[in-house]
Amino acid sequence: MKWLAKNLEDKSHKYILISHIYAGSRFNEKKEGLTWLEKYNDMFFSLTKKNKDQIMLEIGGHDHWEDLRYF
């Protein structure tokens, strides 16, 4: 998150965010408990909201859960 926040400080660029395992994803072999780790979800969405004019597109990877998130 620190790396992303630092790069987004540069207002002279537009960004495409690509991740294989996205912020807040949680690995759980037994498929019990929460799918998302709220702390990182909140941090990531806060950064994207704050810098929405610089972010052209976000492409997230997979976590093998039968779930979908959108923003």
Protein backbone atom coordinates (compact mmCIF):
# COMPACT_ATOMS: atom_id res chain seq x y z
CA MET A 1 0.00 0.00 0.00
CA LYS A 2 2.88 2.34 0.75
CA TRP A 3 4.32 1.75 -2.73
CA LEU A 4 0.97 2.44 -4.40
CA ALA A 5 0.32 5.55 -2.32
CA LYS A 6 3.79 6.91 -3.13
CA ASN A 7 3.33 6.36 -6.87
CA LEU A 8 -0.12 7.93 -6.89
CA GLU A 9 1.39 11.11 -5.41
CA ASP A 10 2.81 11.80 -8.89
CA LYS A 11 -0.13 13.71 -10.39
CA SER A 12 1.52 13.95 -13.81
CA HIS A 13 0.68 10.33 -14.70
CA LYS A 14 -2.40 8.18 -15.30
CA TYR A 15 -2.40 4.62 -14.02
CA ILE A 16 -3.77 1.19 -14.79
CA LEU A 17 -3.76 -0.92 -11.64
CA ILE A 18 -3.21 -4.62 -12.26
CA SER A 19 -2.95 -7.22 -9.56
CA HIS A 20 -2.92 -10.99 -9.48
CA ILE A 21 -4.05 -11.19 -5.88
CA TYR A 22 -5.82 -7.96 -5.03
CA ALA A 23 -5.70 -5.94 -1.86
CA GLY A 24 -7.76 -7.46 0.90
CA SER A 25 -7.87 -10.96 -0.56
CA ARG A 26 -7.59 -13.70 1.99
CA PHE A 27 -6.42 -17.26 1.42
CA ASN A 28 -8.41 -19.81 3.38
CA GLU A 29 -8.15 -23.50 2.45
CA LYS A 30 -11.16 -24.50 4.52
CA LYS A 31 -13.36 -21.74 3.05
CA GLU A 32 -14.34 -20.57 6.51
CA GLY A 33 -14.49 -17.05 7.85
CA LEU A 34 -14.20 -13.78 6.02
CA THR A 35 -13.19 -13.61 2.39
CA TRP A 36 -11.90 -10.03 2.63
CA LEU A 37 -9.44 -8.52 5.07
CA GLU A 38 -11.20 -5.24 5.73
CA LYS A 39 -8.09 -3.31 6.80
CA TYR A 40 -6.48 -3.71 3.38
CA ASN A 41 -9.76 -3.40 1.50
CA ASP A 42 -10.41 -0.08 3.22
CA MET A 43 -6.88 1.17 2.55
CA PHE A 44 -7.04 0.18 -1.12
CA PHE A 45 -10.45 1.71 -1.77
CA SER A 46 -9.50 4.85 0.11
CA LEU A 47 -6.46 5.26 -2.16
CA THR A 48 -8.47 4.60 -5.32
CA LYS A 49 -11.22 7.04 -4.31
CA LYS A 50 -8.71 9.73 -3.40
CA ASN A 51 -6.88 9.30 -6.72
CA LYS A 52 -9.81 8.40 -8.99
CA ASP A 53 -8.88 10.99 -11.61
CA GLN A 54 -5.49 9.35 -12.10
CA ILE A 55 -6.67 5.74 -12.29
CA MET A 56 -7.84 4.76 -15.74
CA LEU A 57 -8.60 1.11 -15.00
CA GLU A 58 -8.24 -1.51 -12.30
CA ILE A 59 -7.89 -5.17 -13.20
CA GLY A 60 -7.86 -7.65 -10.34
CA GLY A 61 -6.82 -11.26 -10.40
CA HIS A 62 -8.38 -14.23 -8.77
CA ASP A 63 -8.51 -15.99 -5.46
CA HIS A 64 -10.48 -19.14 -6.36
CA TRP A 65 -13.50 -18.10 -4.33
CA GLU A 66 -16.95 -18.10 -5.81
CA ASP A 67 -17.35 -14.44 -5.07
CA LEU A 68 -17.20 -11.13 -6.84
CA ARG A 69 -16.47 -7.62 -5.71
CA TYR A 70 -16.97 -4.44 -7.59
CA PHE A 71 -16.39 -0.80 -6.86
